[in-house]
Amino acid sequence: MDGNILILDYSEFEREKIKFLLKLIGSFNIIEIPSINQYYTLMDSIDDISLIIMDLAFPDEAQGFEILGLLRKSCKDIPVIIATRSEKLEYRDQAAKIGVYDYIIKPYNSSRMENSIRSVIKVENRFYYDTKGIDEIIMSFDYYIEKQFHMADAIKQPLSIIFISSLEEGTGSSSNDSSFPERKERACSTAVNTVRPMLSATDTMVLNKNGDILVVLPLTDLAYAKLCKEKVVENITADLEKVGERYADYFRTIQVTYPDEGKDFQTLMKCAFSKIADKELYSKAAIITQGTRSYANKLYSKYSRWF
């Protein structure tokens, strides 16, 4: 056993995500604390902690700092990683004064947390690890989606993808329309800006060079994914109508769910294409091509700023 690691977070999904990463790194005894009441009940009986990972909002920032202060008194030399949605500079500064090892903003790339944990382990073993470039680490889309499927399988929970596929020039009402490329670009931008604020902390959105938008929804079953898709279509339609455009002229949208409709990303995307009836979409490909995925890899880090 590589040590005891304490996780303080109200979100079961966030705890499972961290536990999954820890399994990749080593063999740890993981102690989960999902509520402040359980913290006060268990803390006196917990010792030999190697690392603490906590959400600053536990349950809010004020109490989070109170808990952090208590942890610092009883576990003075134990490294603490904060994972939180709180981006305020004053919180960062206060956490730094208390001696927090790292401050990570949710939602984060899995590699961001993984590298931080690995650096702590190396620090504790008296090795030096240069963390200056951690914020610049880029997770490829393939790596991200593979981890999401692994985690969904590990915790036996569904995962859904909303696929917003953009139409090609010359389709339907766009035939012989020289302004279509420019209008399509504006429509895609509108769609992206519409979807962005709809995402929860655990959702992910990427865009490829064709204008297709993929929204990954962890812990989401088929029924709820369908409701999400309908809301996405409704909102994009309303925003396009404000500028005199029609949703049907630019997009077709469908949802697919793991494991009901596929056990991996490519199978789900093939299912998505087969669900969309337009012949124009069938001409694209049966699955997302390597070229498209390579482009998605490059754009993932750019669009990760949205979520």
Protein backbone atom coordinates (compact mmCIF):
# COMPACT_ATOMS: atom_id res chain seq x y z
CA MET A 1 0.00 0.00 0.00
CA ASP A 2 1.39 3.40 -1.04
CA GLY A 3 -0.33 5.37 1.71
CA ASN A 4 -3.64 6.83 2.86
CA ILE A 5 -5.21 9.53 0.70
CA LEU A 6 -8.07 11.66 2.01
CA ILE A 7 -10.68 13.01 -0.45
CA LEU A 8 -13.13 15.67 0.78
CA ASP A 9 -15.73 16.43 -1.90
CA TYR A 10 -19.53 16.48 -1.94
CA SER A 11 -19.66 15.26 -5.56
CA GLU A 12 -19.65 11.48 -5.97
CA PHE A 13 -18.57 11.90 -9.59
CA GLU A 14 -15.58 14.06 -8.62
CA ARG A 15 -14.54 11.55 -5.96
CA GLU A 16 -14.83 8.67 -8.42
CA LYS A 17 -12.78 10.62 -10.97
CA ILE A 18 -9.98 11.17 -8.46
CA LYS A 19 -10.14 7.55 -7.29
CA PHE A 20 -9.81 6.38 -10.88
CA LEU A 21 -6.69 8.52 -11.36
CA LEU A 22 -5.19 7.25 -8.11
CA LYS A 23 -5.59 3.66 -9.30
CA LEU A 24 -3.50 4.56 -12.35
CA ILE A 25 -0.75 6.00 -10.16
CA GLY A 26 -0.38 3.49 -7.34
CA SER A 27 -2.01 1.36 -4.68
CA PHE A 28 -3.57 3.66 -2.09
CA ASN A 29 -6.01 3.34 0.76
CA ILE A 30 -8.57 5.97 -0.22
CA ILE A 31 -10.69 7.58 2.50
CA GLU A 32 -13.73 9.43 1.12
CA ILE A 33 -15.46 12.15 3.11
CA PRO A 34 -18.63 13.28 1.30
CA SER A 35 -20.01 15.63 3.96
CA ILE A 36 -18.86 17.99 6.67
CA ASN A 37 -20.65 15.92 9.31
CA GLN A 38 -18.69 12.83 8.31
CA TYR A 39 -15.49 14.88 8.47
CA TYR A 40 -16.07 15.76 12.11
CA THR A 41 -17.04 12.15 12.85
CA LEU A 42 -14.02 10.50 11.22
CA MET A 43 -11.09 12.88 11.47
CA ASP A 44 -10.05 11.94 15.01
CA SER A 45 -9.72 8.31 13.94
CA ILE A 46 -7.70 8.93 10.75
CA ASP A 47 -3.90 8.98 10.82
CA ASP A 48 -0.89 8.37 8.58
CA ILE A 49 -2.33 10.44 5.71
CA SER A 50 -0.05 10.88 2.69
CA LEU A 51 -2.11 13.36 0.68
CA ILE A 52 -5.32 15.40 1.05
CA ILE A 53 -7.44 16.35 -1.97
CA MET A 54 -10.38 18.61 -1.18
CA ASP A 55 -12.97 20.88 -2.74
CA LEU A 56 -12.66 24.34 -1.24
CA ALA A 57 -16.46 24.63 -1.29
CA PHE A 58 -16.93 22.05 1.44
CA PRO A 59 -19.75 22.97 1.72
CA ASP A 60 -18.84 26.61 0.97
CA GLU A 61 -15.56 28.53 0.78
CA ALA A 62 -15.82 29.95 4.31
CA GLN A 63 -16.25 26.53 5.90
CA GLY A 64 -13.79 25.07 3.43
CA PHE A 65 -11.06 27.38 4.71
CA GLU A 66 -12.08 26.54 8.27
CA ILE A 67 -11.66 22.82 7.53
CA LEU A 68 -8.40 23.53 5.70
CA GLY A 69 -7.08 25.40 8.73
CA LEU A 70 -7.97 22.49 11.02
CA LEU A 71 -6.29 20.05 8.65
CA ARG A 72 -3.18 22.18 8.58
CA LYS A 73 -2.97 22.13 12.38
CA SER A 74 -3.42 18.37 12.71
CA CYS A 75 -1.66 17.38 9.47
CA LYS A 76 0.97 20.10 9.23
CA ASP A 77 3.38 18.41 6.81
CA ILE A 78 0.83 16.63 4.61
CA PRO A 79 0.47 18.09 1.10
CA VAL A 80 -2.98 19.42 0.18
CA ILE A 81 -4.37 19.73 -3.35
CA ILE A 82 -7.40 21.98 -3.75
CA ALA A 83 -9.83 21.14 -6.59
CA THR A 84 -12.57 23.76 -6.79
CA ARG A 85 -14.68 25.97 -9.04
CA SER A 86 -13.66 29.03 -7.00
CA GLU A 87 -11.37 31.12 -9.24
CA LYS A 88 -11.08 34.20 -7.03
CA LEU A 89 -7.50 35.41 -6.63
CA GLU A 90 -8.11 36.08 -2.94
CA TYR A 91 -8.94 32.39 -2.44
CA ARG A 92 -5.74 31.35 -4.23
CA ASP A 93 -3.69 33.73 -2.10
CA GLN A 94 -5.33 32.57 1.12
CA ALA A 95 -4.79 28.92 0.18
CA ALA A 96 -1.14 29.62 -0.61
CA LYS A 97 -0.65 31.27 2.79
CA ILE A 98 -2.07 28.19 4.48
CA GLY A 99 0.42 26.07 2.56
CA VAL A 100 -1.69 24.37 -0.09
CA TYR A 101 0.50 22.47 -2.54
CA ASP A 102 -1.66 23.00 -5.65
CA TYR A 103 -4.85 24.87 -6.57
CA ILE A 104 -6.80 23.29 -9.47
CA ILE A 105 -9.89 24.85 -11.06
CA LYS A 106 -12.85 22.56 -11.81
CA PRO A 107 -13.67 21.20 -14.26
CA TYR A 108 -10.09 20.14 -14.97
CA ASN A 109 -8.39 17.87 -17.46
CA SER A 110 -7.67 14.51 -15.84
CA SER A 111 -4.00 14.86 -16.77
CA ARG A 112 -3.85 18.10 -14.76
CA MET A 113 -4.83 16.32 -11.55
CA GLU A 114 -2.80 13.23 -12.39
CA ASN A 115 0.40 15.23 -12.88
CA SER A 116 -0.19 17.18 -9.70
CA ILE A 117 -0.64 13.97 -7.68
CA ARG A 118 2.46 12.42 -9.26
CA SER A 119 4.50 15.53 -8.48
CA VAL A 120 3.40 15.38 -4.84
CA ILE A 121 4.48 11.76 -4.62
CA LYS A 122 7.87 12.67 -6.07
CA VAL A 123 8.22 15.63 -3.72
CA GLU A 124 7.46 13.40 -0.75
CA ASN A 125 10.17 11.03 -1.93
CA ARG A 126 12.58 13.99 -1.97
CA PHE A 127 12.81 14.24 -5.73
CA TYR A 128 12.46 17.59 -7.44
CA TYR A 129 9.70 17.93 -9.99
CA ASP A 130 9.44 21.12 -12.04
CA THR A 131 5.75 22.10 -12.07
CA LYS A 132 6.10 25.32 -14.09
CA GLY A 133 4.62 23.78 -17.21
CA ILE A 134 1.72 21.89 -15.66
CA ASP A 135 -0.87 24.47 -16.73
CA GLU A 136 0.33 24.08 -20.32
CA ILE A 137 -0.08 20.31 -20.45
CA ILE A 138 -2.49 19.41 -23.28
CA MET A 139 -4.71 16.35 -23.12
CA SER A 140 -5.56 14.95 -26.53
CA PHE A 141 -9.21 14.30 -27.25
CA ASP A 142 -8.48 10.59 -27.77
CA TYR A 143 -6.80 10.42 -24.35
CA TYR A 144 -9.64 12.32 -22.70
CA ILE A 145 -12.42 10.22 -24.22
CA GLU A 146 -10.59 6.96 -23.48
CA LYS A 147 -10.36 7.92 -19.81
CA GLN A 148 -14.03 8.85 -19.72
CA PHE A 149 -15.01 5.43 -21.09
CA HIS A 150 -12.66 3.66 -18.65
CA MET A 151 -14.16 5.58 -15.75
CA ALA A 152 -17.74 4.90 -16.91
CA ASP A 153 -16.91 1.21 -17.05
CA ALA A 154 -15.18 1.26 -13.66
CA ILE A 155 -18.11 2.87 -11.83
CA LYS A 156 -20.77 1.10 -13.96
CA GLN A 157 -22.44 4.34 -15.02
CA PRO A 158 -23.69 5.50 -18.45
CA LEU A 159 -22.04 8.13 -20.61
CA SER A 160 -23.77 10.01 -23.42
CA ILE A 161 -22.66 12.10 -26.38
CA ILE A 162 -24.73 14.77 -28.10
CA PHE A 163 -23.58 14.96 -31.73
CA ILE A 164 -24.39 18.23 -33.52
CA SER A 165 -23.40 17.51 -37.12
CA SER A 166 -23.12 20.47 -39.50
CA LEU A 167 -24.38 20.22 -43.07
CA GLU A 168 -22.14 20.58 -46.10
CA GLU A 169 -22.44 23.34 -48.69
CA GLY A 170 -24.95 22.48 -51.40
CA THR A 171 -27.34 20.71 -49.05
CA GLY A 172 -31.02 21.68 -49.03
CA SER A 173 -31.64 25.41 -49.04
CA SER A 174 -27.91 26.13 -49.21
CA SER A 175 -27.63 24.90 -52.82
CA ASN A 176 -25.86 27.43 -55.06
CA ASP A 177 -25.54 29.87 -52.17
CA SER A 178 -22.14 31.54 -52.37
CA SER A 179 -22.58 33.05 -48.91
CA PHE A 180 -23.13 29.66 -47.26
CA PRO A 181 -19.55 29.10 -45.95
CA GLU A 182 -19.55 32.45 -44.17
CA ARG A 183 -23.08 31.95 -42.86
CA LYS A 184 -22.23 28.43 -41.71
CA GLU A 185 -19.22 29.72 -39.79
CA ARG A 186 -21.44 32.26 -38.02
CA ALA A 187 -24.05 29.57 -37.32
CA CYS A 188 -21.40 27.28 -35.80
CA SER A 189 -20.11 30.14 -33.66
CA THR A 190 -23.65 30.85 -32.51
CA ALA A 191 -24.21 27.17 -31.69
CA VAL A 192 -20.99 26.98 -29.69
CA ASN A 193 -21.78 30.15 -27.74
CA THR A 194 -25.28 28.84 -27.05
CA VAL A 195 -24.15 25.42 -25.80
CA ARG A 196 -21.25 26.70 -23.71
CA PRO A 197 -23.27 28.13 -20.76
CA MET A 198 -25.52 25.07 -20.78
CA LEU A 199 -22.67 22.75 -19.78
CA SER A 200 -22.36 21.46 -16.25
CA ALA A 201 -19.00 21.25 -14.51
CA THR A 202 -18.45 17.66 -15.67
CA ASP A 203 -19.55 18.10 -19.31
CA THR A 204 -17.12 18.57 -22.18
CA MET A 205 -17.52 20.17 -25.62
CA VAL A 206 -15.21 19.98 -28.65
CA LEU A 207 -15.48 21.25 -32.23
CA ASN A 208 -13.90 19.78 -35.37
CA LYS A 209 -12.91 21.47 -38.63
CA ASN A 210 -16.20 20.50 -40.32
CA GLY A 211 -18.15 22.46 -37.73
CA ASP A 212 -19.40 19.34 -35.93
CA ILE A 213 -19.87 19.80 -32.19
CA LEU A 214 -19.51 16.95 -29.71
CA VAL A 215 -20.84 17.31 -26.17
CA VAL A 216 -19.72 14.55 -23.77
CA LEU A 217 -22.07 13.99 -20.81
CA PRO A 218 -20.65 11.72 -18.06
CA LEU A 219 -23.14 9.94 -15.76
CA THR A 220 -25.96 10.61 -18.24
CA ASP A 221 -28.37 7.91 -19.42
CA LEU A 222 -30.19 7.81 -22.76
CA ALA A 223 -33.43 9.33 -21.48
CA TYR A 224 -31.75 12.35 -19.90
CA ALA A 225 -29.38 12.75 -22.87
CA LYS A 226 -32.43 13.00 -25.12
CA LEU A 227 -33.86 15.78 -22.95
CA CYS A 228 -30.49 17.58 -23.03
CA LYS A 229 -30.36 17.25 -26.82
CA GLU A 230 -33.87 18.67 -27.19
CA LYS A 231 -32.95 21.63 -24.99
CA VAL A 232 -29.74 22.21 -26.97
CA VAL A 233 -31.65 22.20 -30.27
CA GLU A 234 -34.33 24.48 -28.84
CA ASN A 235 -31.81 27.05 -27.60
CA ILE A 236 -29.66 27.05 -30.75
CA THR A 237 -32.81 27.36 -32.89
CA ALA A 238 -33.94 30.39 -30.88
CA ASP A 239 -30.54 32.09 -31.12
CA LEU A 240 -30.28 31.47 -34.87
CA GLU A 241 -33.78 32.82 -35.45
CA LYS A 242 -32.69 36.10 -33.84
CA VAL A 243 -30.29 36.60 -36.77
CA GLY A 244 -32.70 35.35 -39.40
CA GLU A 245 -31.29 31.82 -39.77
CA ARG A 246 -32.85 28.35 -39.52
CA TYR A 247 -31.38 25.50 -37.48
CA ALA A 248 -32.37 22.93 -40.12
CA ASP A 249 -30.25 24.71 -42.75
CA TYR A 250 -27.04 24.00 -40.81
CA PHE A 251 -27.33 21.16 -38.32
CA ARG A 252 -28.63 17.69 -37.56
CA THR A 253 -28.45 16.55 -33.93
CA ILE A 254 -28.63 13.16 -32.24
CA GLN A 255 -27.69 11.63 -28.90
CA VAL A 256 -26.01 8.27 -28.26
CA THR A 257 -25.27 6.49 -24.99
CA TYR A 258 -22.69 4.06 -23.60
CA PRO A 259 -23.11 1.13 -23.05
CA ASP A 260 -26.61 0.84 -24.60
CA GLU A 261 -25.54 1.83 -28.11
CA GLY A 262 -21.83 1.18 -28.14
CA LYS A 263 -18.92 0.16 -25.92
CA ASP A 264 -16.39 2.69 -27.27
CA PHE A 265 -16.22 6.13 -28.89
CA GLN A 266 -15.97 5.01 -32.51
CA THR A 267 -18.90 2.61 -32.15
CA LEU A 268 -21.03 5.36 -30.62
CA MET A 269 -20.13 7.78 -33.41
CA LYS A 270 -20.95 5.19 -36.06
CA CYS A 271 -24.31 4.74 -34.33
CA ALA A 272 -24.81 8.52 -34.35
CA PHE A 273 -24.16 8.75 -38.09
CA SER A 274 -26.49 5.85 -38.78
CA LYS A 275 -29.26 7.54 -36.80
CA ILE A 276 -29.14 10.73 -38.86
CA ALA A 277 -31.17 10.21 -42.01
CA ASP A 278 -29.59 12.79 -44.35
CA LYS A 279 -27.76 11.26 -47.31
CA GLU A 280 -25.33 14.15 -47.16
CA LEU A 281 -24.20 13.05 -43.69
CA TYR A 282 -23.72 9.46 -44.82
CA SER A 283 -21.33 10.73 -47.47
CA LYS A 284 -19.02 12.10 -44.78
CA ALA A 285 -17.94 8.79 -43.31
CA ALA A 286 -19.23 5.80 -41.42
CA ILE A 287 -17.09 6.88 -38.47
CA ILE A 288 -15.10 9.96 -37.54
CA THR A 289 -11.87 9.79 -39.53
CA GLN A 290 -8.36 9.95 -38.15
CA GLY A 291 -7.91 13.39 -39.73
CA THR A 292 -10.96 14.72 -37.95
CA ARG A 293 -9.86 13.22 -34.65
CA SER A 294 -6.38 14.70 -35.06
CA TYR A 295 -7.95 18.10 -35.52
CA ALA A 296 -10.09 17.53 -32.45
CA ASN A 297 -6.91 16.69 -30.53
CA LYS A 298 -5.47 20.11 -31.37
CA LEU A 299 -8.64 21.97 -30.54
CA TYR A 300 -9.42 20.20 -27.27
CA SER A 301 -7.07 22.37 -25.24
CA LYS A 302 -8.41 25.53 -26.90
CA TYR A 303 -12.03 24.73 -26.22
CA SER A 304 -11.36 23.30 -22.77
CA ARG A 305 -11.31 26.92 -21.61
CA TRP A 306 -15.08 26.88 -22.04
CA PHE A 307 -15.57 24.24 -19.42
